[in-house]
């Protein structure tokens, strides 16, 4: 998040390339880790004998701390020095990456991912803030554009590289690869990146950060655990009730304190509110559905990890190639039209993911869905960012950007938990029906029943005859596809809902709020 206020002098021209190198590499650590780990999930699930609930927490622990502390991370940079906090974030992220790579079990991996999220919350807002305070105004746009372009390229390469590492080395290498990059970023930052800060800012909203973290954590815990324990379980009920109380206290606190991390008065702007609701639905659909896609590709469709990583490459390339074009749409047509059309096209892309069964060529099954989804998101993202930034006064642009970033990450966090409930329910019901119809022996069903919480990652006993093994594997795969279809159609509904929000709340010309 970029805060306004006291802006320090731009860095010497000779240092500009080093500033870009440090911020691009630093940001890419967090961006890539948000996507590359998904490709490694099937491998680590098998290696650590983890349930899908455990695998969910590998993603959720990182996203939870990042979403809850993102705004505080930006404020800390303003107060204590943007370079100092950025470097601290890199160091924490690298140490946690090493812990992830060495984790002997799923519990330690989840804890290490949470610490990674803390590091990312410090370095992500710092990267753009450093660029904004290191370049003069006439060069700032080009510098941010360079940062965006290289970030998109590395994000595209990340899943493919991660898949290759999983195949040729180990899923642990996905985390160890962060260490040399982090070391390089720290060296460049300390030698070439100028320090900047804004000591005029008020106190940090630590209480708000604590309430947000524990409130979201309790909510996610309750939702994820409900898939295996049910909503009637005392622990699940307690977690969900605690989440409601903590999040209500968070909103009350933010409305009353002098320097809130979430200034509620910004939501007086109908366009700002609409843009963030749109973000919540659209990015919830994206984050929630793409969590389950690698599980489908690797465990059901039998893709290699590298092929699964490359499957979404067209999506990222379309986003990269069309980003400049889509940025002009707001100037030509206003904000409302692209923010209605883009999510509708994205909804069609999500729906296309629900069509494939088991098997078939990538080009005929998943490629059309990837392309349509990429076009829909490309039409949406730049106009959405422009709308968020233009709906508030210039001195609040950094805060508005930080809020929107936090909303998008919170949306993915909650969507994975909610869609996990849906896929568990459908998978369980579908598998039971298919096993009953196939008259599977009770002894074989018992071995399956103990592993149902692993979804398509169920491992069949080698003592089962080949014919029965093939029958059971087909039932498992088809049951997962049934659940996957529900997830993708839910994503389509969320994306379509975001288009409705744009139609109702987004003004063609944004009205600014204080």
Protein backbone atom coordinates (compact mmCIF):
# COMPACT_ATOMS: atom_id res chain seq x y z
CA UNK A 1 0.00 0.00 0.00
CA UNK A 2 1.32 3.44 -0.93
CA UNK A 3 0.64 6.07 1.67
CA UNK A 4 0.58 9.73 0.84
CA UNK A 5 2.22 12.43 2.83
CA UNK A 6 5.87 13.31 3.16
CA UNK A 7 7.54 12.15 -0.05
CA UNK A 8 11.30 11.83 0.06
CA UNK A 9 13.60 13.00 -2.71
CA UNK A 10 13.92 10.72 -5.74
CA UNK A 11 16.95 8.47 -5.86
CA UNK A 12 19.95 9.24 -8.11
CA UNK A 13 19.28 8.27 -11.73
CA UNK A 14 22.05 5.63 -11.63
CA UNK A 15 20.24 3.82 -8.79
CA UNK A 16 16.93 3.57 -10.64
CA UNK A 17 17.69 0.24 -12.31
CA UNK A 18 18.78 -1.23 -8.98
CA UNK A 19 15.57 -0.04 -7.30
CA UNK A 20 13.54 -1.75 -10.03
CA UNK A 21 15.60 -4.92 -9.79
CA UNK A 22 15.12 -5.16 -6.02
CA UNK A 23 11.40 -4.39 -6.03
CA UNK A 24 10.63 -6.65 -9.01
CA UNK A 25 12.52 -9.62 -7.56
CA UNK A 26 11.10 -9.02 -4.09
CA UNK A 27 7.52 -8.77 -5.30
CA UNK A 28 7.94 -11.82 -7.47
CA UNK A 29 8.83 -13.90 -4.43
CA UNK A 30 5.35 -13.25 -3.01
CA UNK A 31 3.50 -13.32 -6.34
CA UNK A 32 5.06 -16.58 -7.52
CA UNK A 33 4.60 -18.23 -4.15
CA UNK A 34 0.90 -17.47 -4.39
CA UNK A 35 0.61 -19.61 -7.56
CA UNK A 36 3.53 -22.01 -7.72
CA UNK A 37 2.62 -23.78 -4.48
CA UNK A 38 -0.73 -24.87 -5.97
CA UNK A 39 1.14 -27.03 -8.49
CA UNK A 40 3.06 -28.69 -5.65
CA UNK A 41 -0.05 -29.51 -3.60
CA UNK A 42 -0.71 -33.03 -4.97
CA UNK A 43 2.95 -34.02 -4.44
CA UNK A 44 3.17 -32.70 -0.89
CA UNK A 45 -0.23 -34.18 -0.06
CA UNK A 46 1.05 -37.61 -1.05
CA UNK A 47 4.47 -37.20 0.54
CA UNK A 48 3.12 -35.95 3.87
CA UNK A 49 0.00 -38.20 3.81
CA UNK A 50 -2.13 -35.10 4.25
CA UNK A 51 -5.88 -34.67 3.93
CA UNK A 52 -7.33 -32.05 1.62
CA UNK A 53 -8.17 -30.01 4.75
CA UNK A 54 -4.45 -29.94 5.55
CA UNK A 55 -3.66 -28.98 1.96
CA UNK A 56 -6.22 -26.17 2.18
CA UNK A 57 -4.44 -24.81 5.24
CA UNK A 58 -1.13 -24.76 3.36
CA UNK A 59 -2.69 -22.10 1.13
CA UNK A 60 -4.98 -20.49 3.71
CA UNK A 61 -2.32 -19.92 6.39
CA UNK A 62 -0.28 -17.85 3.94
CA UNK A 63 -3.28 -15.95 2.57
CA UNK A 64 -4.73 -15.27 6.02
CA UNK A 65 -1.69 -13.50 7.44
CA UNK A 66 -1.03 -11.67 4.17
CA UNK A 67 -4.60 -10.38 3.88
CA UNK A 68 -4.92 -9.39 7.55
CA UNK A 69 -1.53 -7.63 7.85
CA UNK A 70 -1.21 -6.07 4.40
CA UNK A 71 -2.49 -2.65 5.47
CA UNK A 72 -0.37 -2.67 8.63
CA UNK A 73 2.67 -3.58 6.54
CA UNK A 74 2.19 -0.47 4.41
CA UNK A 75 1.81 1.70 7.51
CA UNK A 76 4.96 0.24 9.06
CA UNK A 77 6.91 1.15 5.94
CA UNK A 78 5.65 4.72 6.13
CA UNK A 79 6.60 5.03 9.78
CA UNK A 80 9.83 3.04 10.18
CA UNK A 81 11.30 3.26 6.69
CA UNK A 82 10.09 1.60 3.51
CA UNK A 83 13.41 -0.02 2.67
CA UNK A 84 13.88 -1.25 6.23
CA UNK A 85 10.46 -2.93 6.36
CA UNK A 86 10.82 -4.26 2.81
CA UNK A 87 14.15 -5.92 3.68
CA UNK A 88 12.72 -7.26 6.94
CA UNK A 89 9.87 -8.80 4.96
CA UNK A 90 12.32 -10.43 2.55
CA UNK A 91 14.37 -11.90 5.42
CA UNK A 92 11.28 -13.26 7.20
CA UNK A 93 9.94 -14.66 3.91
CA UNK A 94 13.26 -16.39 3.15
CA UNK A 95 13.59 -17.89 6.63
CA UNK A 96 10.02 -19.19 6.44
CA UNK A 97 10.72 -20.62 2.96
CA UNK A 98 13.62 -22.63 4.38
CA UNK A 99 11.33 -23.84 7.17
CA UNK A 100 8.72 -24.87 4.55
CA UNK A 101 11.33 -26.82 2.62
CA UNK A 102 12.51 -28.66 5.75
CA UNK A 103 9.07 -29.24 7.30
CA UNK A 104 8.75 -32.90 8.38
CA UNK A 105 4.96 -32.84 8.54
CA UNK A 106 1.88 -30.95 7.43
CA UNK A 107 1.54 -29.11 10.77
CA UNK A 108 4.98 -27.50 10.55
CA UNK A 109 4.45 -26.71 6.87
CA UNK A 110 1.25 -24.83 7.72
CA UNK A 111 3.00 -22.89 10.50
CA UNK A 112 5.87 -21.99 8.18
CA UNK A 113 3.44 -20.82 5.51
CA UNK A 114 1.82 -18.52 8.08
CA UNK A 115 5.20 -16.93 8.79
CA UNK A 116 5.72 -16.59 5.02
CA UNK A 117 2.46 -14.63 4.92
CA UNK A 118 3.79 -12.23 7.56
CA UNK A 119 6.91 -11.63 5.47
CA UNK A 120 4.83 -11.09 2.33
CA UNK A 121 2.62 -8.56 4.15
CA UNK A 122 5.74 -6.48 4.84
CA UNK A 123 7.35 -6.70 1.41
CA UNK A 124 4.34 -6.49 -0.97
CA UNK A 125 3.16 -2.95 -0.08
CA UNK A 126 6.77 -1.81 0.27
CA UNK A 127 7.73 -2.59 -3.33
CA UNK A 128 5.40 -0.09 -4.98
CA UNK A 129 5.92 2.45 -2.21
CA UNK A 130 9.69 2.33 -2.78
CA UNK A 131 9.22 2.87 -6.53
CA UNK A 132 6.85 5.79 -5.96
CA UNK A 133 9.29 7.48 -3.62
CA UNK A 134 12.45 6.72 -5.62
CA UNK A 135 11.45 8.08 -9.05
CA UNK A 136 10.43 11.62 -10.05
CA UNK A 137 6.81 12.03 -11.12
CA UNK A 138 7.62 12.13 -14.85
CA UNK A 139 9.42 8.75 -14.64
CA UNK A 140 7.19 7.06 -12.08
CA UNK A 141 4.60 5.75 -14.54
CA UNK A 142 7.22 4.05 -16.71
CA UNK A 143 8.89 2.55 -13.63
CA UNK A 144 5.59 1.13 -12.33
CA UNK A 145 4.82 -0.19 -15.82
CA UNK A 146 8.18 -1.96 -15.92
CA UNK A 147 7.53 -3.42 -12.49
CA UNK A 148 4.07 -4.64 -13.60
CA UNK A 149 5.37 -6.15 -16.84
CA UNK A 150 8.21 -8.11 -15.29
CA UNK A 151 5.99 -9.20 -12.40
CA UNK A 152 3.50 -10.61 -14.91
CA UNK A 153 6.22 -12.46 -16.81
CA UNK A 154 7.72 -14.03 -13.69
CA UNK A 155 4.26 -14.94 -12.41
CA UNK A 156 3.66 -16.72 -15.73
CA UNK A 157 6.95 -18.61 -15.52
CA UNK A 158 6.47 -19.52 -11.84
CA UNK A 159 3.96 -22.40 -12.12
CA UNK A 160 5.89 -23.97 -15.01
CA UNK A 161 9.17 -23.72 -13.10
CA UNK A 162 7.48 -25.05 -9.99
CA UNK A 163 6.01 -28.00 -11.87
CA UNK A 164 9.42 -28.83 -13.31
CA UNK A 165 11.04 -28.66 -9.85
CA UNK A 166 8.33 -30.92 -8.40
CA UNK A 167 8.94 -33.48 -11.15
CA UNK A 168 12.73 -33.42 -11.31
CA UNK A 169 13.73 -32.61 -7.70
CA UNK A 170 10.99 -32.42 -5.05
CA UNK A 171 8.11 -30.23 -3.95
CA UNK A 172 10.51 -28.93 -1.29
CA UNK A 173 12.63 -27.31 -4.02
CA UNK A 174 9.70 -24.97 -4.73
CA UNK A 175 10.46 -23.30 -1.39
CA UNK A 176 14.26 -23.55 -1.43
CA UNK A 177 14.44 -21.68 -4.76
CA UNK A 178 13.35 -18.55 -2.85
CA UNK A 179 16.57 -18.41 -0.82
CA UNK A 180 19.13 -17.25 -3.44
CA UNK A 181 16.63 -14.75 -4.86
CA UNK A 182 15.96 -13.33 -1.39
CA UNK A 183 19.70 -13.02 -0.69
CA UNK A 184 20.18 -11.10 -3.94
CA UNK A 185 17.28 -8.74 -3.12
CA UNK A 186 18.67 -7.97 0.34
CA UNK A 187 22.16 -7.20 -1.04
CA UNK A 188 20.79 -4.90 -3.78
CA UNK A 189 18.41 -3.17 -1.37
CA UNK A 190 21.03 -2.42 1.26
CA UNK A 191 23.57 -1.16 -1.30
CA UNK A 192 21.46 0.70 -3.84
CA UNK A 193 17.89 1.38 -2.63
CA UNK A 194 17.41 4.74 -0.84
CA UNK A 195 15.48 4.88 2.40
CA UNK A 196 12.21 6.84 2.59
CA UNK A 197 9.60 7.28 5.28
CA UNK A 198 6.74 9.43 6.50
CA UNK A 199 7.17 9.96 10.24
CA UNK A 200 4.15 12.29 10.33
CA UNK A 201 1.74 9.36 10.34
CA UNK A 202 -0.19 8.46 13.49
CA UNK A 203 -0.09 5.34 15.62
CA UNK A 204 -0.24 1.90 14.01
CA UNK A 205 -3.56 0.10 14.33
CA UNK A 206 -2.23 -3.04 15.99
CA UNK A 207 -5.49 -3.84 17.75
CA UNK A 208 -7.31 -3.70 14.43
CA UNK A 209 -4.74 -6.04 12.87
CA UNK A 210 -5.10 -8.51 15.76
CA UNK A 211 -8.91 -8.49 15.57
CA UNK A 212 -8.84 -8.92 11.77
CA UNK A 213 -6.32 -11.77 11.94
CA UNK A 214 -8.10 -13.76 14.64
CA UNK A 215 -11.55 -12.97 13.24
CA UNK A 216 -10.68 -14.14 9.73
CA UNK A 217 -8.71 -17.06 11.15
CA UNK A 218 -11.65 -18.26 13.24
CA UNK A 219 -14.00 -17.88 10.27
CA UNK A 220 -11.73 -19.84 7.92
CA UNK A 221 -11.10 -22.51 10.56
CA UNK A 222 -14.83 -22.96 11.16
CA UNK A 223 -15.60 -23.20 7.44
CA UNK A 224 -12.78 -25.62 6.61
CA UNK A 225 -13.37 -27.90 9.59
CA UNK A 226 -17.12 -27.97 8.94
CA UNK A 227 -16.48 -29.99 5.77
CA UNK A 228 -15.30 -32.96 7.83
CA UNK A 229 -16.90 -32.37 11.25
CA UNK A 230 -20.18 -30.70 10.30
CA UNK A 231 -21.61 -27.36 11.44
CA UNK A 232 -23.11 -29.00 14.55
CA UNK A 233 -19.65 -29.78 15.98
CA UNK A 234 -18.98 -27.66 19.12
CA UNK A 235 -15.54 -26.60 17.87
CA UNK A 236 -16.94 -25.43 14.55
CA UNK A 237 -19.79 -23.52 16.21
CA UNK A 238 -17.40 -21.88 18.67
CA UNK A 239 -15.05 -20.83 15.87
CA UNK A 240 -17.82 -19.31 13.74
CA UNK A 241 -19.39 -17.50 16.71
CA UNK A 242 -15.98 -16.15 17.74
CA UNK A 243 -15.40 -14.98 14.17
CA UNK A 244 -18.64 -13.00 14.17
CA UNK A 245 -17.84 -11.35 17.50
CA UNK A 246 -14.23 -10.50 16.53
CA UNK A 247 -15.11 -9.12 13.10
CA UNK A 248 -17.94 -6.99 14.53
CA UNK A 249 -15.50 -5.62 17.12
CA UNK A 250 -13.05 -4.91 14.28
CA UNK A 251 -15.63 -2.84 12.37
CA UNK A 252 -16.64 -0.94 15.54
CA UNK A 253 -12.99 -0.21 16.33
CA UNK A 254 -12.22 1.00 12.81
CA UNK A 255 -15.19 3.37 12.97
CA UNK A 256 -14.01 4.97 16.23
CA UNK A 257 -10.22 5.23 16.30
CA UNK A 258 -8.25 8.13 14.85
CA UNK A 259 -5.90 6.22 12.52
CA UNK A 260 -7.70 3.05 11.42
CA UNK A 261 -6.02 0.59 9.07
CA UNK A 262 -9.40 0.35 7.29
CA UNK A 263 -10.89 3.88 6.99
CA UNK A 264 -14.62 3.11 6.73
CA UNK A 265 -15.46 6.61 5.49
CA UNK A 266 -14.01 5.68 2.09
CA UNK A 267 -17.02 3.42 1.63
CA UNK A 268 -19.28 6.47 1.51
CA UNK A 269 -18.40 6.48 -2.17
CA UNK A 270 -20.91 4.24 -3.93
CA UNK A 271 -18.40 3.53 -6.68
CA UNK A 272 -15.63 2.61 -4.21
CA UNK A 273 -18.02 0.29 -2.37
CA UNK A 274 -19.21 -1.25 -5.63
CA UNK A 275 -15.66 -1.75 -6.91
CA UNK A 276 -14.67 -3.58 -3.73
CA UNK A 277 -17.80 -5.75 -3.75
CA UNK A 278 -17.02 -6.58 -7.37
CA UNK A 279 -13.43 -7.40 -6.38
CA UNK A 280 -14.63 -9.63 -3.56
CA UNK A 281 -16.91 -11.70 -5.80
CA UNK A 282 -14.67 -11.86 -8.89
CA UNK A 283 -11.42 -12.59 -7.06
CA UNK A 284 -13.21 -14.99 -4.74
CA UNK A 285 -14.30 -16.92 -7.82
CA UNK A 286 -10.77 -16.84 -9.26
CA UNK A 287 -8.89 -17.78 -6.08
CA UNK A 288 -11.36 -20.44 -5.00
CA UNK A 289 -11.65 -22.27 -8.31
CA UNK A 290 -7.97 -22.17 -9.25
CA UNK A 291 -7.09 -23.87 -5.96
CA UNK A 292 -8.86 -27.04 -7.13
CA UNK A 293 -7.74 -26.93 -10.77
CA UNK A 294 -4.23 -28.42 -10.22
CA UNK A 295 -5.77 -31.20 -8.10
CA UNK A 296 -8.02 -32.06 -11.05
CA UNK A 297 -5.27 -31.83 -13.65
CA UNK A 298 -2.70 -33.87 -11.73
CA UNK A 299 -4.73 -36.36 -9.70
CA UNK A 300 -7.64 -36.97 -12.09
CA UNK A 301 -6.50 -36.00 -15.60
CA UNK A 302 -3.01 -37.46 -14.94
CA UNK A 303 -1.11 -34.35 -16.09
CA UNK A 304 2.50 -34.07 -15.04
CA UNK A 305 3.27 -31.26 -12.58
CA UNK A 306 5.00 -29.29 -15.35
CA UNK A 307 2.04 -29.70 -17.71
CA UNK A 308 -0.36 -28.62 -14.96
CA UNK A 309 1.77 -25.53 -14.34
CA UNK A 310 1.76 -24.73 -18.05
CA UNK A 311 -2.00 -25.23 -18.38
CA UNK A 312 -2.73 -21.71 -17.11
CA UNK A 313 0.06 -20.09 -19.10
CA UNK A 314 -2.35 -18.81 -21.81
CA UNK A 315 -4.41 -17.12 -19.07
CA UNK A 316 -1.42 -15.17 -17.74
CA UNK A 317 -0.11 -14.29 -21.20
CA UNK A 318 -3.53 -12.96 -22.25
CA UNK A 319 -3.64 -10.86 -19.08
CA UNK A 320 -0.18 -9.51 -19.86
CA UNK A 321 -0.78 -8.79 -23.55
CA UNK A 322 -4.20 -7.16 -23.11
CA UNK A 323 -3.49 -5.16 -19.96
CA UNK A 324 -2.50 -1.95 -21.78
CA UNK A 325 -5.45 -2.20 -24.18
CA UNK A 326 -7.94 -2.80 -21.37
CA UNK A 327 -6.59 0.21 -19.48
CA UNK A 328 -7.84 2.46 -22.28
CA UNK A 329 -11.39 1.08 -22.07
CA UNK A 330 -12.33 3.32 -19.14
CA UNK A 331 -11.31 6.42 -21.11
CA UNK A 332 -13.35 5.36 -24.14
CA UNK A 333 -16.44 3.79 -22.60
CA UNK A 334 -16.40 4.69 -18.91
CA UNK A 335 -15.98 2.22 -16.06
CA UNK A 336 -19.35 0.51 -16.03
CA UNK A 337 -19.34 -1.18 -19.45
CA UNK A 338 -15.98 -3.05 -19.16
CA UNK A 339 -16.78 -3.97 -15.55
CA UNK A 340 -20.03 -5.59 -16.69
CA UNK A 341 -18.72 -7.21 -19.88
CA UNK A 342 -15.44 -8.50 -18.38
CA UNK A 343 -16.98 -10.45 -15.48
CA UNK A 344 -19.71 -11.87 -17.77
CA UNK A 345 -17.01 -13.22 -20.10
CA UNK A 346 -15.10 -14.54 -17.06
CA UNK A 347 -18.30 -16.27 -15.87
CA UNK A 348 -18.48 -18.02 -19.26
CA UNK A 349 -14.88 -19.14 -18.79
CA UNK A 350 -15.61 -20.62 -15.37
CA UNK A 351 -18.64 -22.41 -16.80
CA UNK A 352 -16.51 -23.92 -19.58
CA UNK A 353 -14.28 -25.52 -16.94
CA UNK A 354 -17.33 -27.52 -15.81
CA UNK A 355 -17.69 -29.29 -19.19
CA UNK A 356 -14.70 -31.72 -19.35
CA UNK A 357 -15.02 -35.17 -17.82
CA UNK A 358 -12.03 -37.48 -17.40
CA UNK A 359 -9.49 -37.66 -20.22
CA UNK A 360 -9.34 -35.84 -23.54
CA UNK A 361 -6.90 -33.44 -25.14
CA UNK A 362 -6.01 -30.26 -23.25
CA UNK A 363 -6.71 -28.21 -26.36
CA UNK A 364 -10.29 -29.47 -26.54
CA UNK A 365 -11.06 -29.59 -22.82
CA UNK A 366 -9.37 -26.95 -20.66
CA UNK A 367 -7.69 -24.64 -23.19
CA UNK A 368 -10.95 -22.94 -24.36
CA UNK A 369 -11.92 -22.28 -20.73
CA UNK A 370 -8.47 -20.87 -19.92
CA UNK A 371 -8.61 -18.50 -22.93
CA UNK A 372 -12.14 -17.23 -22.24
CA UNK A 373 -11.38 -16.73 -18.55
CA UNK A 374 -8.17 -14.88 -19.45
CA UNK A 375 -10.01 -12.51 -21.80
CA UNK A 376 -12.70 -11.84 -19.19
CA UNK A 377 -10.19 -11.07 -16.45
CA UNK A 378 -8.06 -8.96 -18.81
CA UNK A 379 -11.08 -6.81 -19.65
CA UNK A 380 -11.88 -6.46 -15.93
CA UNK A 381 -8.62 -5.92 -14.03
CA UNK A 382 -7.23 -2.62 -15.38
CA UNK A 383 -10.64 -0.85 -15.40
CA UNK A 384 -11.29 -2.15 -11.89
CA UNK A 385 -7.97 -0.78 -10.61
CA UNK A 386 -8.60 2.54 -12.34
CA UNK A 387 -12.08 2.74 -10.83
CA UNK A 388 -10.81 2.08 -7.31
CA UNK A 389 -8.08 4.70 -7.58
CA UNK A 390 -10.29 7.35 -9.20
CA UNK A 391 -13.16 6.95 -6.72
CA UNK A 392 -11.19 8.65 -3.92
CA UNK A 393 -9.17 11.84 -3.66
CA UNK A 394 -5.52 11.65 -4.68
CA UNK A 395 -4.19 11.79 -1.13
CA UNK A 396 -6.16 8.62 -0.30
CA UNK A 397 -5.13 6.63 -3.40
CA UNK A 398 -2.55 4.54 -1.54
CA UNK A 399 -5.03 3.61 1.18
CA UNK A 400 -7.69 2.77 -1.43
CA UNK A 401 -5.25 0.55 -3.33
CA UNK A 402 -4.23 -1.25 -0.14
CA UNK A 403 -7.85 -1.88 0.85
CA UNK A 404 -8.69 -3.27 -2.59
CA UNK A 405 -5.63 -5.53 -2.49
CA UNK A 406 -6.62 -6.80 0.95
CA UNK A 407 -10.22 -7.38 -0.23
CA UNK A 408 -9.04 -9.48 -3.18
CA UNK A 409 -6.83 -11.65 -0.98
CA UNK A 410 -9.51 -12.04 1.69
CA UNK A 411 -11.96 -13.10 -1.03
CA UNK A 412 -9.68 -15.91 -2.19
CA UNK A 413 -9.06 -16.92 1.42
CA UNK A 414 -12.77 -17.34 2.16
CA UNK A 415 -13.65 -18.82 -1.23
CA UNK A 416 -11.23 -21.74 -0.82
CA UNK A 417 -12.84 -22.56 2.52
CA UNK A 418 -16.44 -22.26 1.27
CA UNK A 419 -15.87 -24.11 -2.01
CA UNK A 420 -14.04 -26.79 -0.05
CA UNK A 421 -17.30 -27.49 1.79
CA UNK A 422 -19.12 -27.79 -1.56
CA UNK A 423 -16.62 -30.15 -3.18
CA UNK A 424 -16.39 -32.36 -0.08
CA UNK A 425 -20.17 -32.70 0.08
CA UNK A 426 -20.64 -33.48 -3.62
CA UNK A 427 -17.64 -35.83 -3.76
CA UNK A 428 -18.81 -37.81 -0.74
CA UNK A 429 -22.37 -38.19 -2.04
CA UNK A 430 -21.25 -39.01 -5.59
CA UNK A 431 -18.65 -41.57 -4.49
CA UNK A 432 -21.15 -43.33 -2.23
CA UNK A 433 -23.65 -43.58 -5.07
CA UNK A 434 -21.10 -44.88 -7.55
CA UNK A 435 -19.71 -47.50 -5.16
CA UNK A 436 -23.21 -48.71 -4.32
CA UNK A 437 -24.14 -48.94 -7.99
CA UNK A 438 -20.96 -50.91 -8.74
CA UNK A 439 -21.58 -53.36 -5.85
CA UNK A 440 -18.11 -52.80 -4.42
CA UNK A 441 -17.19 -55.22 -1.63
CA UNK A 442 -17.49 -53.88 1.91
CA UNK A 443 -13.82 -54.61 2.67
CA UNK A 444 -12.71 -52.43 -0.23
CA UNK A 445 -15.16 -49.68 0.70
CA UNK A 446 -13.74 -49.53 4.22
CA UNK A 447 -10.28 -48.63 2.91
CA UNK A 448 -11.86 -45.86 0.84
CA UNK A 449 -14.05 -44.52 3.63
CA UNK A 450 -11.03 -43.84 5.85
CA UNK A 451 -9.50 -41.67 3.10
CA UNK A 452 -12.51 -39.75 1.79
CA UNK A 453 -11.11 -36.51 3.16
CA UNK A 454 -8.25 -36.83 0.65
CA UNK A 455 -10.67 -36.52 -2.31
CA UNK A 456 -8.93 -37.56 -5.55
CA UNK A 457 -5.73 -38.15 -3.57
CA UNK A 458 -7.11 -41.44 -2.19
CA UNK A 459 -4.51 -44.21 -2.46
CA UNK A 460 -5.80 -47.69 -3.26
CA UNK A 461 -4.39 -50.78 -1.57
CA UNK A 462 -2.01 -52.64 -3.86
CA UNK A 463 -3.58 -55.93 -2.81
CA UNK A 464 -6.80 -55.05 -4.67
CA UNK A 465 -6.99 -56.91 -8.02
CA UNK A 466 -6.31 -54.79 -11.10
CA UNK A 467 -9.86 -54.91 -12.42
CA UNK A 468 -11.35 -53.75 -9.14
CA UNK A 469 -8.61 -51.14 -8.74
CA UNK A 470 -9.49 -49.65 -12.13
CA UNK A 471 -13.18 -49.64 -11.20
CA UNK A 472 -12.51 -47.90 -7.88
CA UNK A 473 -10.16 -45.35 -9.45
CA UNK A 474 -12.77 -44.47 -12.08
CA UNK A 475 -15.39 -43.98 -9.36
CA UNK A 476 -13.04 -41.70 -7.40
CA UNK A 477 -12.12 -39.65 -10.46
CA UNK A 478 -15.71 -39.19 -11.60
CA UNK A 479 -16.81 -38.26 -8.07
CA UNK A 480 -14.12 -35.58 -7.94
CA UNK A 481 -15.18 -34.25 -11.34
CA UNK A 482 -18.76 -33.99 -10.05
CA UNK A 483 -17.53 -31.84 -7.16
CA UNK A 484 -15.19 -29.86 -9.42
CA UNK A 485 -18.12 -28.98 -11.70
CA UNK A 486 -20.08 -27.57 -8.78
CA UNK A 487 -17.05 -25.49 -7.77
CA UNK A 488 -16.64 -24.06 -11.27
CA UNK A 489 -20.34 -23.31 -11.71
CA UNK A 490 -20.28 -21.56 -8.34
CA UNK A 491 -17.33 -19.51 -9.61
CA UNK A 492 -19.37 -18.64 -12.69
CA UNK A 493 -22.22 -17.49 -10.46
CA UNK A 494 -19.90 -15.31 -8.37
CA UNK A 495 -18.40 -13.73 -11.51
CA UNK A 496 -21.85 -13.05 -12.93
CA UNK A 497 -22.85 -11.55 -9.57
CA UNK A 498 -19.90 -9.17 -9.79
CA UNK A 499 -21.20 -8.00 -13.18
CA UNK A 500 -24.58 -7.26 -11.58
CA UNK A 501 -22.82 -5.28 -8.85
CA UNK A 502 -21.03 -3.23 -11.52
CA UNK A 503 -24.31 -2.54 -13.31
CA UNK A 504 -26.00 -1.37 -10.10
CA UNK A 505 -23.23 0.47 -8.24
CA UNK A 506 -20.43 1.54 -10.60
CA UNK A 507 -20.92 5.03 -11.99
CA UNK A 508 -19.71 5.74 -15.53
CA UNK A 509 -17.70 8.61 -14.01
CA UNK A 510 -16.44 7.93 -10.50
CA UNK A 511 -17.41 10.34 -7.75
CA UNK A 512 -14.58 10.93 -5.32
CA UNK A 513 -14.90 10.69 -1.58
CA UNK A 514 -12.72 12.29 1.07
